[in-house]
Amino acid sequence: DCFSIDDLRARPKQISPWDGVRNFQAR
């Protein structure tokens, strides 16, 4: 409901930043 695979597919060139990660290990 925030960002789905369909949202990614709908982006220009089907590319998007993967933003909003707020965990140091994942970062």
mmCIF file of all heavy atoms, coordinates in Angstrom:
data_MODEL
# 
_entry.id   MODEL 
# 
loop_
_atom_site.group_PDB 
_atom_site.id 
_atom_site.type_symbol 
_atom_site.label_atom_id 
_atom_site.label_alt_id 
_atom_site.label_comp_id 
_atom_site.label_asym_id 
_atom_site.label_entity_id 
_atom_site.label_seq_id 
_atom_site.pdbx_PDB_ins_code 
_atom_site.Cartn_x 
_atom_site.Cartn_y 
_atom_site.Cartn_z 
_atom_site.occupancy 
_atom_site.B_iso_or_equiv 
_atom_site.pdbx_formal_charge 
_atom_site.auth_seq_id 
_atom_site.auth_comp_id 
_atom_site.auth_asym_id 
_atom_site.auth_atom_id 
_atom_site.pdbx_PDB_model_num 
ATOM 1   N N   . ASP A 1 1  ? 0.818  -1.206 0.000   1.00 0.00 ? 1  ASP A N   1 
ATOM 2   C CA  . ASP A 1 1  ? 0.000  0.000  0.000   1.00 0.00 ? 1  ASP A CA  1 
ATOM 3   C C   . ASP A 1 1  ? 0.861  1.270  0.000   1.00 0.00 ? 1  ASP A C   1 
ATOM 4   O O   . ASP A 1 1  ? 0.350  2.365  -0.236  1.00 0.00 ? 1  ASP A O   1 
ATOM 5   C CB  . ASP A 1 1  ? -1.011 0.005  1.159   1.00 0.00 ? 1  ASP A CB  1 
ATOM 6   C CG  . ASP A 1 1  ? -0.364 -0.100 2.517   1.00 0.00 ? 1  ASP A CG  1 
ATOM 7   O OD1 . ASP A 1 1  ? 0.822  -0.443 2.619   1.00 0.00 ? 1  ASP A OD1 1 
ATOM 8   O OD2 . ASP A 1 1  ? -1.069 0.175  3.515   1.00 0.00 ? 1  ASP A OD2 1 
ATOM 9   N N   . CYS A 1 2  ? 2.164  1.115  0.247   1.00 0.00 ? 2  CYS A N   1 
ATOM 10  C CA  . CYS A 1 2  ? 3.104  2.248  0.150   1.00 0.00 ? 2  CYS A CA  1 
ATOM 11  C C   . CYS A 1 2  ? 3.824  2.252  -1.198  1.00 0.00 ? 2  CYS A C   1 
ATOM 12  O O   . CYS A 1 2  ? 3.931  3.289  -1.846  1.00 0.00 ? 2  CYS A O   1 
ATOM 13  C CB  . CYS A 1 2  ? 4.139  2.167  1.262   1.00 0.00 ? 2  CYS A CB  1 
ATOM 14  S SG  . CYS A 1 2  ? 3.469  2.416  2.898   1.00 0.00 ? 2  CYS A SG  1 
ATOM 15  N N   . PHE A 1 3  ? 4.356  1.078  -1.593  1.00 0.00 ? 3  PHE A N   1 
ATOM 16  C CA  . PHE A 1 3  ? 5.061  0.951  -2.868  1.00 0.00 ? 3  PHE A CA  1 
ATOM 17  C C   . PHE A 1 3  ? 5.048  -0.516 -3.258  1.00 0.00 ? 3  PHE A C   1 
ATOM 18  O O   . PHE A 1 3  ? 5.653  -1.352 -2.583  1.00 0.00 ? 3  PHE A O   1 
ATOM 19  C CB  . PHE A 1 3  ? 6.496  1.473  -2.756  1.00 0.00 ? 3  PHE A CB  1 
ATOM 20  C CG  . PHE A 1 3  ? 7.228  1.510  -4.072  1.00 0.00 ? 3  PHE A CG  1 
ATOM 21  C CD1 . PHE A 1 3  ? 6.882  2.442  -5.035  1.00 0.00 ? 3  PHE A CD1 1 
ATOM 22  C CD2 . PHE A 1 3  ? 8.244  0.614  -4.343  1.00 0.00 ? 3  PHE A CD2 1 
ATOM 23  C CE1 . PHE A 1 3  ? 7.555  2.481  -6.264  1.00 0.00 ? 3  PHE A CE1 1 
ATOM 24  C CE2 . PHE A 1 3  ? 8.921  0.643  -5.551  1.00 0.00 ? 3  PHE A CE2 1 
ATOM 25  C CZ  . PHE A 1 3  ? 8.569  1.582  -6.511  1.00 0.00 ? 3  PHE A CZ  1 
ATOM 26  N N   . SER A 1 4  ? 4.346  -0.838 -4.329  1.00 0.00 ? 4  SER A N   1 
ATOM 27  C CA  . SER A 1 4  ? 4.182  -2.229 -4.758  1.00 0.00 ? 4  SER A CA  1 
ATOM 28  C C   . SER A 1 4  ? 4.993  -2.502 -6.024  1.00 0.00 ? 4  SER A C   1 
ATOM 29  O O   . SER A 1 4  ? 5.506  -1.578 -6.660  1.00 0.00 ? 4  SER A O   1 
ATOM 30  C CB  . SER A 1 4  ? 2.704  -2.514 -5.044  1.00 0.00 ? 4  SER A CB  1 
ATOM 31  O OG  . SER A 1 4  ? 2.310  -1.841 -6.234  1.00 0.00 ? 4  SER A OG  1 
ATOM 32  N N   . ILE A 1 5  ? 5.041  -3.758 -6.393  1.00 0.00 ? 5  ILE A N   1 
ATOM 33  C CA  . ILE A 1 5  ? 5.723  -4.104 -7.638  1.00 0.00 ? 5  ILE A CA  1 
ATOM 34  C C   . ILE A 1 5  ? 5.011  -3.469 -8.834  1.00 0.00 ? 5  ILE A C   1 
ATOM 35  O O   . ILE A 1 5  ? 5.650  -3.079 -9.806  1.00 0.00 ? 5  ILE A O   1 
ATOM 36  C CB  . ILE A 1 5  ? 5.875  -5.635 -7.800  1.00 0.00 ? 5  ILE A CB  1 
ATOM 37  C CG1 . ILE A 1 5  ? 6.896  -5.928 -8.920  1.00 0.00 ? 5  ILE A CG1 1 
ATOM 38  C CG2 . ILE A 1 5  ? 4.524  -6.300 -8.032  1.00 0.00 ? 5  ILE A CG2 1 
ATOM 39  C CD1 . ILE A 1 5  ? 7.445  -7.323 -8.919  1.00 0.00 ? 5  ILE A CD1 1 
ATOM 40  N N   . ASP A 1 6  ? 3.691  -3.303 -8.744  1.00 0.00 ? 6  ASP A N   1 
ATOM 41  C CA  . ASP A 1 6  ? 2.966  -2.623 -9.823  1.00 0.00 ? 6  ASP A CA  1 
ATOM 42  C C   . ASP A 1 6  ? 3.325  -1.143 -9.888  1.00 0.00 ? 6  ASP A C   1 
ATOM 43  O O   . ASP A 1 6  ? 3.384  -0.561 -10.975 1.00 0.00 ? 6  ASP A O   1 
ATOM 44  C CB  . ASP A 1 6  ? 1.463  -2.813 -9.663  1.00 0.00 ? 6  ASP A CB  1 
ATOM 45  C CG  . ASP A 1 6  ? 1.054  -4.265 -9.871  1.00 0.00 ? 6  ASP A CG  1 
ATOM 46  O OD1 . ASP A 1 6  ? 1.668  -4.952 -10.710 1.00 0.00 ? 6  ASP A OD1 1 
ATOM 47  O OD2 . ASP A 1 6  ? 0.111  -4.710 -9.185  1.00 0.00 ? 6  ASP A OD2 1 
ATOM 48  N N   . ASP A 1 7  ? 3.591  -0.528 -8.735  1.00 0.00 ? 7  ASP A N   1 
ATOM 49  C CA  . ASP A 1 7  ? 4.060  0.860  -8.727  1.00 0.00 ? 7  ASP A CA  1 
ATOM 50  C C   . ASP A 1 7  ? 5.414  0.969  -9.423  1.00 0.00 ? 7  ASP A C   1 
ATOM 51  O O   . ASP A 1 7  ? 5.644  1.900  -10.206 1.00 0.00 ? 7  ASP A O   1 
ATOM 52  C CB  . ASP A 1 7  ? 4.176  1.391  -7.299  1.00 0.00 ? 7  ASP A CB  1 
ATOM 53  C CG  . ASP A 1 7  ? 2.847  1.497  -6.587  1.00 0.00 ? 7  ASP A CG  1 
ATOM 54  O OD1 . ASP A 1 7  ? 1.819  1.768  -7.255  1.00 0.00 ? 7  ASP A OD1 1 
ATOM 55  O OD2 . ASP A 1 7  ? 2.824  1.307  -5.355  1.00 0.00 ? 7  ASP A OD2 1 
ATOM 56  N N   . LEU A 1 8  ? 6.304  0.027  -9.144  1.00 0.00 ? 8  LEU A N   1 
ATOM 57  C CA  . LEU A 1 8  ? 7.614  0.026  -9.801  1.00 0.00 ? 8  LEU A CA  1 
ATOM 58  C C   . LEU A 1 8  ? 7.454  -0.154 -11.306 1.00 0.00 ? 8  LEU A C   1 
ATOM 59  O O   . LEU A 1 8  ? 8.069  0.565  -12.093 1.00 0.00 ? 8  LEU A O   1 
ATOM 60  C CB  . LEU A 1 8  ? 8.503  -1.084 -9.219  1.00 0.00 ? 8  LEU A CB  1 
ATOM 61  C CG  . LEU A 1 8  ? 9.865  -1.265 -9.880  1.00 0.00 ? 8  LEU A CG  1 
ATOM 62  C CD1 . LEU A 1 8  ? 10.704 0.007  -9.825  1.00 0.00 ? 8  LEU A CD1 1 
ATOM 63  C CD2 . LEU A 1 8  ? 10.611 -2.435 -9.243  1.00 0.00 ? 8  LEU A CD2 1 
ATOM 64  N N   . ARG A 1 9  ? 6.622  -1.089 -11.706 1.00 0.00 ? 9  ARG A N   1 
ATOM 65  C CA  . ARG A 1 9  ? 6.418  -1.348 -13.135 1.00 0.00 ? 9  ARG A CA  1 
ATOM 66  C C   . ARG A 1 9  ? 5.850  -0.118 -13.842 1.00 0.00 ? 9  ARG A C   1 
ATOM 67  O O   . ARG A 1 9  ? 6.129  0.112  -15.017 1.00 0.00 ? 9  ARG A O   1 
ATOM 68  C CB  . ARG A 1 9  ? 5.495  -2.555 -13.318 1.00 0.00 ? 9  ARG A CB  1 
ATOM 69  C CG  . ARG A 1 9  ? 5.341  -2.951 -14.779 1.00 0.00 ? 9  ARG A CG  1 
ATOM 70  C CD  . ARG A 1 9  ? 4.686  -4.275 -14.996 1.00 0.00 ? 9  ARG A CD  1 
ATOM 71  N NE  . ARG A 1 9  ? 3.492  -4.468 -14.197 1.00 0.00 ? 9  ARG A NE  1 
ATOM 72  C CZ  . ARG A 1 9  ? 2.799  -5.585 -14.181 1.00 0.00 ? 9  ARG A CZ  1 
ATOM 73  N NH1 . ARG A 1 9  ? 3.172  -6.618 -14.926 1.00 0.00 ? 9  ARG A NH1 1 
ATOM 74  N NH2 . ARG A 1 9  ? 1.728  -5.704 -13.441 1.00 0.00 ? 9  ARG A NH2 1 
ATOM 75  N N   . ALA A 1 10 ? 5.088  0.707  -13.131 1.00 0.00 ? 10 ALA A N   1 
ATOM 76  C CA  . ALA A 1 10 ? 4.462  1.891  -13.729 1.00 0.00 ? 10 ALA A CA  1 
ATOM 77  C C   . ALA A 1 10 ? 5.403  3.106  -13.801 1.00 0.00 ? 10 ALA A C   1 
ATOM 78  O O   . ALA A 1 10 ? 5.073  4.091  -14.467 1.00 0.00 ? 10 ALA A O   1 
ATOM 79  C CB  . ALA A 1 10 ? 3.214  2.267  -12.937 1.00 0.00 ? 10 ALA A CB  1 
ATOM 80  N N   . ARG A 1 11 ? 6.551  3.053  -13.158 1.00 0.00 ? 11 ARG A N   1 
ATOM 81  C CA  . ARG A 1 11 ? 7.485  4.176  -13.158 1.00 0.00 ? 11 ARG A CA  1 
ATOM 82  C C   . ARG A 1 11 ? 8.143  4.335  -14.527 1.00 0.00 ? 11 ARG A C   1 
ATOM 83  O O   . ARG A 1 11 ? 8.306  3.354  -15.258 1.00 0.00 ? 11 ARG A O   1 
ATOM 84  C CB  . ARG A 1 11 ? 8.589  3.963  -12.113 1.00 0.00 ? 11 ARG A CB  1 
ATOM 85  C CG  . ARG A 1 11 ? 8.119  4.030  -10.688 1.00 0.00 ? 11 ARG A CG  1 
ATOM 86  C CD  . ARG A 1 11 ? 7.864  5.474  -10.274 1.00 0.00 ? 11 ARG A CD  1 
ATOM 87  N NE  . ARG A 1 11 ? 7.187  5.575  -9.012  1.00 0.00 ? 11 ARG A NE  1 
ATOM 88  C CZ  . ARG A 1 11 ? 7.782  5.860  -7.849  1.00 0.00 ? 11 ARG A CZ  1 
ATOM 89  N NH1 . ARG A 1 11 ? 9.074  6.068  -7.794  1.00 0.00 ? 11 ARG A NH1 1 
ATOM 90  N NH2 . ARG A 1 11 ? 7.063  5.937  -6.753  1.00 0.00 ? 11 ARG A NH2 1 
ATOM 91  N N   . PRO A 1 12 ? 8.556  5.559  -14.855 1.00 0.00 ? 12 PRO A N   1 
ATOM 92  C CA  . PRO A 1 12 ? 9.301  5.754  -16.106 1.00 0.00 ? 12 PRO A CA  1 
ATOM 93  C C   . PRO A 1 12 ? 10.513 4.825  -16.151 1.00 0.00 ? 12 PRO A C   1 
ATOM 94  O O   . PRO A 1 12 ? 11.245 4.700  -15.166 1.00 0.00 ? 12 PRO A O   1 
ATOM 95  C CB  . PRO A 1 12 ? 9.727  7.221  -16.041 1.00 0.00 ? 12 PRO A CB  1 
ATOM 96  C CG  . PRO A 1 12 ? 8.716  7.868  -15.139 1.00 0.00 ? 12 PRO A CG  1 
ATOM 97  C CD  . PRO A 1 12 ? 8.354  6.804  -14.118 1.00 0.00 ? 12 PRO A CD  1 
ATOM 98  N N   . LYS A 1 13 ? 10.677 4.158  -17.271 1.00 0.00 ? 13 LYS A N   1 
ATOM 99  C CA  . LYS A 1 13 ? 11.757 3.180  -17.480 1.00 0.00 ? 13 LYS A CA  1 
ATOM 100 C C   . LYS A 1 13 ? 11.720 2.047  -16.467 1.00 0.00 ? 13 LYS A C   1 
ATOM 101 O O   . LYS A 1 13 ? 12.658 1.282  -16.345 1.00 0.00 ? 13 LYS A O   1 
ATOM 102 C CB  . LYS A 1 13 ? 13.122 3.861  -17.478 1.00 0.00 ? 13 LYS A CB  1 
ATOM 103 C CG  . LYS A 1 13 ? 13.287 4.884  -18.575 1.00 0.00 ? 13 LYS A CG  1 
ATOM 104 C CD  . LYS A 1 13 ? 14.675 5.473  -18.572 1.00 0.00 ? 13 LYS A CD  1 
ATOM 105 C CE  . LYS A 1 13 ? 14.787 6.534  -19.650 1.00 0.00 ? 13 LYS A CE  1 
ATOM 106 N NZ  . LYS A 1 13 ? 16.107 7.139  -19.680 1.00 0.00 ? 13 LYS A NZ  1 
ATOM 107 N N   . GLN A 1 14 ? 10.619 1.956  -15.693 1.00 0.00 ? 14 GLN A N   1 
ATOM 108 C CA  . GLN A 1 14 ? 10.425 0.913  -14.675 1.00 0.00 ? 14 GLN A CA  1 
ATOM 109 C C   . GLN A 1 14 ? 11.557 0.910  -13.647 1.00 0.00 ? 14 GLN A C   1 
ATOM 110 O O   . GLN A 1 14 ? 11.962 -0.134 -13.138 1.00 0.00 ? 14 GLN A O   1 
ATOM 111 C CB  . GLN A 1 14 ? 10.255 -0.452 -15.340 1.00 0.00 ? 14 GLN A CB  1 
ATOM 112 C CG  . GLN A 1 14 ? 9.044  -0.484 -16.259 1.00 0.00 ? 14 GLN A CG  1 
ATOM 113 C CD  . GLN A 1 14 ? 8.826  -1.818 -16.919 1.00 0.00 ? 14 GLN A CD  1 
ATOM 114 O OE1 . GLN A 1 14 ? 9.764  -2.510 -17.303 1.00 0.00 ? 14 GLN A OE1 1 
ATOM 115 N NE2 . GLN A 1 14 ? 7.563  -2.201 -17.040 1.00 0.00 ? 14 GLN A NE2 1 
ATOM 116 N N   . ILE A 1 15 ? 12.050 2.110  -13.320 1.00 0.00 ? 15 ILE A N   1 
ATOM 117 C CA  . ILE A 1 15 ? 13.141 2.298  -12.366 1.00 0.00 ? 15 ILE A CA  1 
ATOM 118 C C   . ILE A 1 15 ? 12.675 3.233  -11.254 1.00 0.00 ? 15 ILE A C   1 
ATOM 119 O O   . ILE A 1 15 ? 11.981 4.214  -11.512 1.00 0.00 ? 15 ILE A O   1 
ATOM 120 C CB  . ILE A 1 15 ? 14.389 2.883  -13.061 1.00 0.00 ? 15 ILE A CB  1 
ATOM 121 C CG1 . ILE A 1 15 ? 14.948 1.875  -14.069 1.00 0.00 ? 15 ILE A CG1 1 
ATOM 122 C CG2 . ILE A 1 15 ? 15.461 3.278  -12.040 1.00 0.00 ? 15 ILE A CG2 1 
ATOM 123 C CD1 . ILE A 1 15 ? 16.079 2.418  -14.917 1.00 0.00 ? 15 ILE A CD1 1 
ATOM 124 N N   . SER A 1 16 ? 13.104 2.927  -10.026 1.00 0.00 ? 16 SER A N   1 
ATOM 125 C CA  . SER A 1 16 ? 12.757 3.773  -8.889  1.00 0.00 ? 16 SER A CA  1 
ATOM 126 C C   . SER A 1 16 ? 13.846 3.682  -7.826  1.00 0.00 ? 16 SER A C   1 
ATOM 127 O O   . SER A 1 16 ? 14.463 2.629  -7.656  1.00 0.00 ? 16 SER A O   1 
ATOM 128 C CB  . SER A 1 16 ? 11.435 3.326  -8.274  1.00 0.00 ? 16 SER A CB  1 
ATOM 129 O OG  . SER A 1 16 ? 11.115 4.113  -7.142  1.00 0.00 ? 16 SER A OG  1 
ATOM 130 N N   . PRO A 1 17 ? 14.051 4.775  -7.082  1.00 0.00 ? 17 PRO A N   1 
ATOM 131 C CA  . PRO A 1 17 ? 14.906 4.668  -5.896  1.00 0.00 ? 17 PRO A CA  1 
ATOM 132 C C   . PRO A 1 17 ? 14.231 3.770  -4.863  1.00 0.00 ? 17 PRO A C   1 
ATOM 133 O O   . PRO A 1 17 ? 13.002 3.777  -4.742  1.00 0.00 ? 17 PRO A O   1 
ATOM 134 C CB  . PRO A 1 17 ? 14.988 6.099  -5.363  1.00 0.00 ? 17 PRO A CB  1 
ATOM 135 C CG  . PRO A 1 17 ? 14.438 6.984  -6.416  1.00 0.00 ? 17 PRO A CG  1 
ATOM 136 C CD  . PRO A 1 17 ? 13.565 6.139  -7.287  1.00 0.00 ? 17 PRO A CD  1 
ATOM 137 N N   . TRP A 1 18 ? 15.024 2.992  -4.149  1.00 0.00 ? 18 TRP A N   1 
ATOM 138 C CA  . TRP A 1 18 ? 14.520 2.203  -3.022  1.00 0.00 ? 18 TRP A CA  1 
ATOM 139 C C   . TRP A 1 18 ? 14.868 3.014  -1.780  1.00 0.00 ? 18 TRP A C   1 
ATOM 140 O O   . TRP A 1 18 ? 15.908 2.843  -1.168  1.00 0.00 ? 18 TRP A O   1 
ATOM 141 C CB  . TRP A 1 18 ? 15.171 0.818  -3.003  1.00 0.00 ? 18 TRP A CB  1 
ATOM 142 C CG  . TRP A 1 18 ? 14.405 -0.135 -2.146  1.00 0.00 ? 18 TRP A CG  1 
ATOM 143 C CD1 . TRP A 1 18 ? 14.576 -0.368 -0.812  1.00 0.00 ? 18 TRP A CD1 1 
ATOM 144 C CD2 . TRP A 1 18 ? 13.318 -0.973 -2.557  1.00 0.00 ? 18 TRP A CD2 1 
ATOM 145 N NE1 . TRP A 1 18 ? 13.672 -1.292 -0.372  1.00 0.00 ? 18 TRP A NE1 1 
ATOM 146 C CE2 . TRP A 1 18 ? 12.879 -1.683 -1.424  1.00 0.00 ? 18 TRP A CE2 1 
ATOM 147 C CE3 . TRP A 1 18 ? 12.667 -1.171 -3.769  1.00 0.00 ? 18 TRP A CE3 1 
ATOM 148 C CZ2 . TRP A 1 18 ? 11.831 -2.586 -1.470  1.00 0.00 ? 18 TRP A CZ2 1 
ATOM 149 C CZ3 . TRP A 1 18 ? 11.628 -2.071 -3.821  1.00 0.00 ? 18 TRP A CZ3 1 
ATOM 150 C CH2 . TRP A 1 18 ? 11.227 -2.779 -2.675  1.00 0.00 ? 18 TRP A CH2 1 
ATOM 151 N N   . ASP A 1 19 ? 13.979 3.933  -1.432  1.00 0.00 ? 19 ASP A N   1 
ATOM 152 C CA  . ASP A 1 19 ? 14.259 4.902  -0.381  1.00 0.00 ? 19 ASP A CA  1 
ATOM 153 C C   . ASP A 1 19 ? 13.530 4.555  0.909   1.00 0.00 ? 19 ASP A C   1 
ATOM 154 O O   . ASP A 1 19 ? 12.751 3.611  0.961   1.00 0.00 ? 19 ASP A O   1 
ATOM 155 C CB  . ASP A 1 19 ? 13.899 6.318  -0.841  1.00 0.00 ? 19 ASP A CB  1 
ATOM 156 C CG  . ASP A 1 19 ? 12.412 6.476  -1.157  1.00 0.00 ? 19 ASP A CG  1 
ATOM 157 O OD1 . ASP A 1 19 ? 11.620 5.547  -0.921  1.00 0.00 ? 19 ASP A OD1 1 
ATOM 158 O OD2 . ASP A 1 19 ? 12.035 7.544  -1.656  1.00 0.00 ? 19 ASP A OD2 1 
ATOM 159 N N   . GLY A 1 20 ? 13.827 5.317  1.939   1.00 0.00 ? 20 GLY A N   1 
ATOM 160 C CA  . GLY A 1 20 ? 13.099 5.183  3.196   1.00 0.00 ? 20 GLY A CA  1 
ATOM 161 C C   . GLY A 1 20 ? 13.579 4.090  4.127   1.00 0.00 ? 20 GLY A C   1 
ATOM 162 O O   . GLY A 1 20 ? 12.971 3.881  5.176   1.00 0.00 ? 20 GLY A O   1 
ATOM 163 N N   . VAL A 1 21 ? 14.666 3.419  3.802   1.00 0.00 ? 21 VAL A N   1 
ATOM 164 C CA  . VAL A 1 21 ? 15.182 2.372  4.689   1.00 0.00 ? 21 VAL A CA  1 
ATOM 165 C C   . VAL A 1 21 ? 15.828 3.059  5.892   1.00 0.00 ? 21 VAL A C   1 
ATOM 166 O O   . VAL A 1 21 ? 16.723 3.887  5.734   1.00 0.00 ? 21 VAL A O   1 
ATOM 167 C CB  . VAL A 1 21 ? 16.198 1.473  3.954   1.00 0.00 ? 21 VAL A CB  1 
ATOM 168 C CG1 . VAL A 1 21 ? 16.862 0.501  4.905   1.00 0.00 ? 21 VAL A CG1 1 
ATOM 169 C CG2 . VAL A 1 21 ? 15.508 0.736  2.813   1.00 0.00 ? 21 VAL A CG2 1 
ATOM 170 N N   . ARG A 1 22 ? 15.359 2.730  7.086   1.00 0.00 ? 22 ARG A N   1 
ATOM 171 C CA  . ARG A 1 22 ? 15.843 3.377  8.303   1.00 0.00 ? 22 ARG A CA  1 
ATOM 172 C C   . ARG A 1 22 ? 16.317 2.351  9.329   1.00 0.00 ? 22 ARG A C   1 
ATOM 173 O O   . ARG A 1 22 ? 15.964 2.375  10.487  1.00 0.00 ? 22 ARG A O   1 
ATOM 174 C CB  . ARG A 1 22 ? 14.755 4.284  8.902   1.00 0.00 ? 22 ARG A CB  1 
ATOM 175 C CG  . ARG A 1 22 ? 14.334 5.426  7.995   1.00 0.00 ? 22 ARG A CG  1 
ATOM 176 C CD  . ARG A 1 22 ? 15.484 6.392  7.725   1.00 0.00 ? 22 ARG A CD  1 
ATOM 177 N NE  . ARG A 1 22 ? 15.101 7.514  6.890   1.00 0.00 ? 22 ARG A NE  1 
ATOM 178 C CZ  . ARG A 1 22 ? 15.310 7.580  5.574   1.00 0.00 ? 22 ARG A CZ  1 
ATOM 179 N NH1 . ARG A 1 22 ? 15.885 6.563  4.935   1.00 0.00 ? 22 ARG A NH1 1 
ATOM 180 N NH2 . ARG A 1 22 ? 14.971 8.656  4.900   1.00 0.00 ? 22 ARG A NH2 1 
ATOM 181 N N   . ASN A 1 23 ? 17.167 1.466  8.863   1.00 0.00 ? 23 ASN A N   1 
ATOM 182 C CA  . ASN A 1 23 ? 17.820 0.475  9.703   1.00 0.00 ? 23 ASN A CA  1 
ATOM 183 C C   . ASN A 1 23 ? 19.280 0.453  9.278   1.00 0.00 ? 23 ASN A C   1 
ATOM 184 O O   . ASN A 1 23 ? 19.570 0.351  8.079   1.00 0.00 ? 23 ASN A O   1 
ATOM 185 C CB  . ASN A 1 23 ? 17.164 -0.897 9.505   1.00 0.00 ? 23 ASN A CB  1 
ATOM 186 C CG  . ASN A 1 23 ? 17.916 -1.997 10.207  1.00 0.00 ? 23 ASN A CG  1 
ATOM 187 O OD1 . ASN A 1 23 ? 18.967 -2.436 9.737   1.00 0.00 ? 23 ASN A OD1 1 
ATOM 188 N ND2 . ASN A 1 23 ? 17.405 -2.445 11.341  1.00 0.00 ? 23 ASN A ND2 1 
ATOM 189 N N   . PHE A 1 24 ? 20.188 0.573  10.240  1.00 0.00 ? 24 PHE A N   1 
ATOM 190 C CA  . PHE A 1 24 ? 21.604 0.696  9.883   1.00 0.00 ? 24 PHE A CA  1 
ATOM 191 C C   . PHE A 1 24 ? 22.158 -0.542 9.193   1.00 0.00 ? 24 PHE A C   1 
ATOM 192 O O   . PHE A 1 24 ? 22.956 -0.438 8.270   1.00 0.00 ? 24 PHE A O   1 
ATOM 193 C CB  . PHE A 1 24 ? 22.440 1.055  11.116  1.00 0.00 ? 24 PHE A CB  1 
ATOM 194 C CG  . PHE A 1 24 ? 22.239 2.474  11.560  1.00 0.00 ? 24 PHE A CG  1 
ATOM 195 C CD1 . PHE A 1 24 ? 21.513 2.761  12.700  1.00 0.00 ? 24 PHE A CD1 1 
ATOM 196 C CD2 . PHE A 1 24 ? 22.758 3.527  10.821  1.00 0.00 ? 24 PHE A CD2 1 
ATOM 197 C CE1 . PHE A 1 24 ? 21.314 4.073  13.104  1.00 0.00 ? 24 PHE A CE1 1 
ATOM 198 C CE2 . PHE A 1 24 ? 22.567 4.849  11.216  1.00 0.00 ? 24 PHE A CE2 1 
ATOM 199 C CZ  . PHE A 1 24 ? 21.843 5.121  12.361  1.00 0.00 ? 24 PHE A CZ  1 
ATOM 200 N N   . GLN A 1 25 ? 21.731 -1.723 9.607   1.00 0.00 ? 25 GLN A N   1 
ATOM 201 C CA  . GLN A 1 25 ? 22.227 -2.944 8.970   1.00 0.00 ? 25 GLN A CA  1 
ATOM 202 C C   . GLN A 1 25 ? 21.785 -3.006 7.507   1.00 0.00 ? 25 GLN A C   1 
ATOM 203 O O   . GLN A 1 25 ? 22.589 -3.297 6.622   1.00 0.00 ? 25 GLN A O   1 
ATOM 204 C CB  . GLN A 1 25 ? 21.743 -4.171 9.745   1.00 0.00 ? 25 GLN A CB  1 
ATOM 205 C CG  . GLN A 1 25 ? 22.357 -5.464 9.276   1.00 0.00 ? 25 GLN A CG  1 
ATOM 206 C CD  . GLN A 1 25 ? 21.906 -6.645 10.138  1.00 0.00 ? 25 GLN A CD  1 
ATOM 207 O OE1 . GLN A 1 25 ? 21.150 -6.499 11.102  1.00 0.00 ? 25 GLN A OE1 1 
ATOM 208 N NE2 . GLN A 1 25 ? 22.374 -7.825 9.783   1.00 0.00 ? 25 GLN A NE2 1 
ATOM 209 N N   . ALA A 1 26 ? 20.514 -2.709 7.250   1.00 0.00 ? 26 ALA A N   1 
ATOM 210 C CA  . ALA A 1 26 ? 20.015 -2.693 5.873   1.00 0.00 ? 26 ALA A CA  1 
ATOM 211 C C   . ALA A 1 26 ? 20.683 -1.576 5.079   1.00 0.00 ? 26 ALA A C   1 
ATOM 212 O O   . ALA A 1 26 ? 21.056 -1.758 3.918   1.00 0.00 ? 26 ALA A O   1 
ATOM 213 C CB  . ALA A 1 26 ? 18.498 -2.530 5.871   1.00 0.00 ? 26 ALA A CB  1 
ATOM 214 N N   . ARG A 1 27 ? 20.846 -0.414 5.704   1.00 0.00 ? 27 ARG A N   1 
ATOM 215 C CA  . ARG A 1 27 ? 21.524 0.700  5.042   1.00 0.00 ? 27 ARG A CA  1 
ATOM 216 C C   . ARG A 1 27 ? 22.931 0.317  4.605   1.00 0.00 ? 27 ARG A C   1 
ATOM 217 O O   . ARG A 1 27 ? 23.366 0.608  3.491   1.00 0.00 ? 27 ARG A O   1 
ATOM 218 C CB  . ARG A 1 27 ? 21.589 1.899  5.999   1.00 0.00 ? 27 ARG A CB  1 
ATOM 219 C CG  . ARG A 1 27 ? 22.242 3.118  5.380   1.00 0.00 ? 27 ARG A CG  1 
ATOM 220 C CD  . ARG A 1 27 ? 23.484 3.728  5.985   1.00 0.00 ? 27 ARG A CD  1 
ATOM 221 N NE  . ARG A 1 27 ? 24.285 3.075  6.946   1.00 0.00 ? 27 ARG A NE  1 
ATOM 222 C CZ  . ARG A 1 27 ? 24.827 3.694  7.975   1.00 0.00 ? 27 ARG A CZ  1 
ATOM 223 N NH1 . ARG A 1 27 ? 24.574 4.979  8.212   1.00 0.00 ? 27 ARG A NH1 1 
ATOM 224 N NH2 . ARG A 1 27 ? 25.626 3.049  8.797   1.00 0.00 ? 27 ARG A NH2 1 
# 
